C-alpha atoms as a PDB file:
ATOM      1  CA  MET A   1     -17.131  -5.414   7.192  1.00  0.00           C
ATOM      2  CA  SER A   2     -13.402  -4.874   6.897  1.00  0.00           C
ATOM      3  CA  GLN A   3     -11.825  -1.622   5.880  1.00  0.00           C
ATOM      4  CA  ILE A   4      -9.390  -2.687   3.168  1.00  0.00           C
ATOM      5  CA  ILE A   5      -6.429  -0.446   2.323  1.00  0.00           C
ATOM      6  CA  TYR A   6      -3.606  -1.058  -0.126  1.00  0.00           C
ATOM      7  CA  LYS A   7       0.168  -0.699  -0.235  1.00  0.00           C
ATOM      8  CA  ILE A   8       2.290  -0.776  -3.371  1.00  0.00           C
ATOM      9  CA  ALA A   9       5.822  -1.953  -2.661  1.00  0.00           C
ATOM     10  CA  PRO A  10       8.846  -3.289  -4.521  1.00  0.00           C
ATOM     11  CA  GLU A  11       8.873  -7.077  -4.218  1.00  0.00           C
ATOM     12  CA  ALA A  12      12.383  -7.217  -2.708  1.00  0.00           C
ATOM     13  CA  LEU A  13      11.416  -4.760   0.041  1.00  0.00           C
ATOM     14  CA  TRP A  14       8.225  -6.661   0.849  1.00  0.00           C
ATOM     15  CA  ARG A  15       9.944 -10.065   0.912  1.00  0.00           C
ATOM     16  CA  GLU A  16      12.451  -8.613   3.396  1.00  0.00           C
ATOM     17  CA  ALA A  17       9.531  -7.483   5.573  1.00  0.00           C
ATOM     18  CA  GLU A  18       8.079 -10.999   5.425  1.00  0.00           C
ATOM     19  CA  ARG A  19      11.402 -12.410   6.622  1.00  0.00           C
ATOM     20  CA  ASN A  20      11.530  -9.828   9.448  1.00  0.00           C
ATOM     21  CA  GLY A  21       7.898 -10.282  10.483  1.00  0.00           C
ATOM     22  CA  SER A  22       6.878  -6.630  10.044  1.00  0.00           C
ATOM     23  CA  PHE A  23       6.985  -3.838   7.474  1.00  0.00           C
ATOM     24  CA  THR A  24       8.492  -0.558   8.630  1.00  0.00           C
ATOM     25  CA  GLY A  25       8.016   1.162   5.284  1.00  0.00           C
ATOM     26  CA  ALA A  26       9.640   2.134   2.030  1.00  0.00           C
ATOM     27  CA  PRO A  27      12.189   4.983   1.986  1.00  0.00           C
ATOM     28  CA  ILE A  28       9.425   7.592   1.420  1.00  0.00           C
ATOM     29  CA  ASP A  29       7.516   6.210   4.407  1.00  0.00           C
ATOM     30  CA  LEU A  30      10.579   6.356   6.638  1.00  0.00           C
ATOM     31  CA  ALA A  31      11.284   9.933   5.515  1.00  0.00           C
ATOM     32  CA  ASP A  32       7.688  11.049   6.158  1.00  0.00           C
ATOM     33  CA  GLY A  33       7.346   9.279   9.509  1.00  0.00           C
ATOM     34  CA  PHE A  34       4.386   7.086   8.533  1.00  0.00           C
ATOM     35  CA  ILE A  35       3.505   4.327   6.084  1.00  0.00           C
ATOM     36  CA  HIS A  36       1.521   5.557   3.081  1.00  0.00           C
ATOM     37  CA  PHE A  37      -1.493   3.513   1.972  1.00  0.00           C
ATOM     38  CA  SER A  38      -4.261   4.020  -0.570  1.00  0.00           C
ATOM     39  CA  THR A  39      -7.925   3.151  -0.654  1.00  0.00           C
ATOM     40  CA  ALA A  40      -9.284   1.051  -3.534  1.00  0.00           C
ATOM     41  CA  GLY A  41     -10.281   4.253  -5.322  1.00  0.00           C
ATOM     42  CA  GLN A  42      -6.827   5.808  -4.885  1.00  0.00           C
ATOM     43  CA  ALA A  43      -4.518   2.878  -5.679  1.00  0.00           C
ATOM     44  CA  ARG A  44      -4.402   3.274  -9.470  1.00  0.00           C
ATOM     45  CA  GLU A  45      -3.606   6.986  -9.229  1.00  0.00           C
ATOM     46  CA  THR A  46      -0.922   6.253  -6.632  1.00  0.00           C
ATOM     47  CA  ALA A  47       0.668   3.707  -8.977  1.00  0.00           C
ATOM     48  CA  ALA A  48       0.587   6.144 -11.899  1.00  0.00           C
ATOM     49  CA  LYS A  49       1.964   9.061  -9.871  1.00  0.00           C
ATOM     50  CA  HIS A  50       4.637   7.355  -7.773  1.00  0.00           C
ATOM     51  CA  PHE A  51       5.456   4.083  -9.565  1.00  0.00           C
ATOM     52  CA  ALA A  52       5.007   4.865 -13.283  1.00  0.00           C
ATOM     53  CA  GLY A  53       6.690   2.257 -15.470  1.00  0.00           C
ATOM     54  CA  GLN A  54       8.180   0.369 -12.510  1.00  0.00           C
ATOM     55  CA  ALA A  55       8.215  -3.410 -12.742  1.00  0.00           C
ATOM     56  CA  GLY A  56       8.707  -5.814  -9.855  1.00  0.00           C
ATOM     57  CA  LEU A  57       5.998  -4.326  -7.666  1.00  0.00           C
ATOM     58  CA  LEU A  58       3.502  -5.996  -5.377  1.00  0.00           C
ATOM     59  CA  LEU A  59       0.048  -4.887  -4.333  1.00  0.00           C
ATOM     60  CA  ILE A  60      -0.685  -5.680  -0.701  1.00  0.00           C
ATOM     61  CA  ALA A  61      -4.219  -5.651   0.734  1.00  0.00           C
ATOM     62  CA  ILE A  62      -4.490  -4.877   4.444  1.00  0.00           C
ATOM     63  CA  ASP A  63      -7.407  -5.071   6.854  1.00  0.00           C
ATOM     64  CA  GLY A  64      -7.318  -1.545   8.243  1.00  0.00           C
ATOM     65  CA  THR A  65      -9.572  -2.463  11.156  1.00  0.00           C
ATOM     66  CA  ARG A  66      -6.694  -4.512  12.591  1.00  0.00           C
ATOM     67  CA  LEU A  67      -4.317  -1.527  12.739  1.00  0.00           C
ATOM     68  CA  GLY A  68      -5.963   0.330  15.604  1.00  0.00           C
ATOM     69  CA  GLU A  69      -5.481   3.992  16.402  1.00  0.00           C
ATOM     70  CA  ALA A  70      -2.108   4.145  14.629  1.00  0.00           C
ATOM     71  CA  LEU A  71      -4.054   4.267  11.328  1.00  0.00           C
ATOM     72  CA  ARG A  72      -5.258   7.762  10.530  1.00  0.00           C
ATOM     73  CA  TYR A  73      -6.950   9.214   7.473  1.00  0.00           C
ATOM     74  CA  GLU A  74      -5.283  12.518   6.628  1.00  0.00           C
ATOM     75  CA  VAL A  75      -5.661  15.101   3.885  1.00  0.00           C
ATOM     76  CA  SER A  76      -3.160  14.597   1.090  1.00  0.00           C
ATOM     77  CA  ARG A  77      -3.183  14.721  -2.714  1.00  0.00           C
ATOM     78  CA  GLY A  78      -5.985  16.902  -4.032  1.00  0.00           C
ATOM     79  CA  GLY A  79      -7.514  17.289  -0.580  1.00  0.00           C
ATOM     80  CA  ALA A  80      -8.454  13.599  -0.429  1.00  0.00           C
ATOM     81  CA  LEU A  81      -8.158  11.603   2.790  1.00  0.00           C
ATOM     82  CA  PHE A  82      -5.422   8.975   2.596  1.00  0.00           C
ATOM     83  CA  PRO A  83      -4.715   6.233   5.129  1.00  0.00           C
ATOM     84  CA  HIS A  84      -1.420   6.692   6.997  1.00  0.00           C
ATOM     85  CA  LEU A  85      -0.026   4.249   9.551  1.00  0.00           C
ATOM     86  CA  TYR A  86       2.064   5.675  12.390  1.00  0.00           C
ATOM     87  CA  ALA A  87       3.529   2.311  13.413  1.00  0.00           C
ATOM     88  CA  PRO A  88       5.153  -0.693  11.749  1.00  0.00           C
ATOM     89  CA  LEU A  89       2.683  -2.795   9.780  1.00  0.00           C
ATOM     90  CA  ASP A  90       1.849  -6.026  11.584  1.00  0.00           C
ATOM     91  CA  LEU A  91       1.835  -8.658   8.849  1.00  0.00           C
ATOM     92  CA  GLU A  92      -1.081 -10.398  10.585  1.00  0.00           C
ATOM     93  CA  ALA A  93      -3.274  -7.632   9.097  1.00  0.00           C
ATOM     94  CA  VAL A  94      -2.287  -8.564   5.518  1.00  0.00           C
ATOM     95  CA  LEU A  95      -5.145 -10.156   3.565  1.00  0.00           C
ATOM     96  CA  TRP A  96      -3.248 -10.929   0.379  1.00  0.00           C
ATOM     97  CA  VAL A  97      -0.185 -10.047  -1.715  1.00  0.00           C
ATOM     98  CA  ARG A  98      -0.347 -10.050  -5.516  1.00  0.00           C
ATOM     99  CA  PRO A  99       2.008  -9.050  -8.329  1.00  0.00           C
ATOM    100  CA  LEU A 100       1.359  -5.674  -9.949  1.00  0.00           C
ATOM    101  CA  PRO A 101       2.610  -6.317 -13.496  1.00  0.00           C
ATOM    102  CA  LEU A 102       2.954  -3.843 -16.334  1.00  0.00           C
ATOM    103  CA  ASP A 103       0.803  -4.215 -19.438  1.00  0.00           C
ATOM    104  CA  VAL A 104       2.038  -3.674 -23.009  1.00  0.00           C
ATOM    105  CA  ASP A 105       1.512   0.076 -22.613  1.00  0.00           C
ATOM    106  CA  GLY A 106       3.637   0.217 -19.450  1.00  0.00           C
ATOM    107  CA  LEU A 107       0.649   0.700 -17.137  1.00  0.00           C
ATOM    108  CA  HIS A 108       0.078  -1.401 -14.029  1.00  0.00           C
ATOM    109  CA  GLU A 109      -2.519  -4.151 -14.316  1.00  0.00           C
ATOM    110  CA  PHE A 110      -4.636  -4.117 -11.164  1.00  0.00           C
ATOM    111  CA  PRO A 111      -6.757  -6.965  -9.880  1.00  0.00           C
ATOM    112  CA  THR A 112     -10.310  -6.126  -8.900  1.00  0.00           C
ATOM    113  CA  LEU A 113     -10.090  -4.207  -5.631  1.00  0.00           C
ATOM    114  CA  GLU A 114     -12.580  -4.388  -2.826  1.00  0.00           C
ATOM    115  CA  ALA A 115     -13.761  -0.947  -1.770  1.00  0.00           C
ATOM    116  CA  GLU A 116     -13.703   0.160   1.818  1.00  0.00           C
END
């Protein structure tokens, strides 16, 4: 069974990664030295905390088992373990990319997410 993790990214940044063949991260990722991901249970809170009210976002599902030892689960927000990737994201590990639209209340509308 795959270990699915999720990345929320601005569409323009992700489309640039698709053109380049790999994703090196958003500005926060580059500053922190790793690419931040969320599990299915963490993605909504991540959107609310870091992307509140932002339109033009994508939700990217990644097969974590394809990322090797560069993927580490580390303690972060509230003591929870979050997936962090210490390498560029190989786009071959991407399962799907979907829009993350805002609803009438300004909250992100998530598709059904597959748990780890």
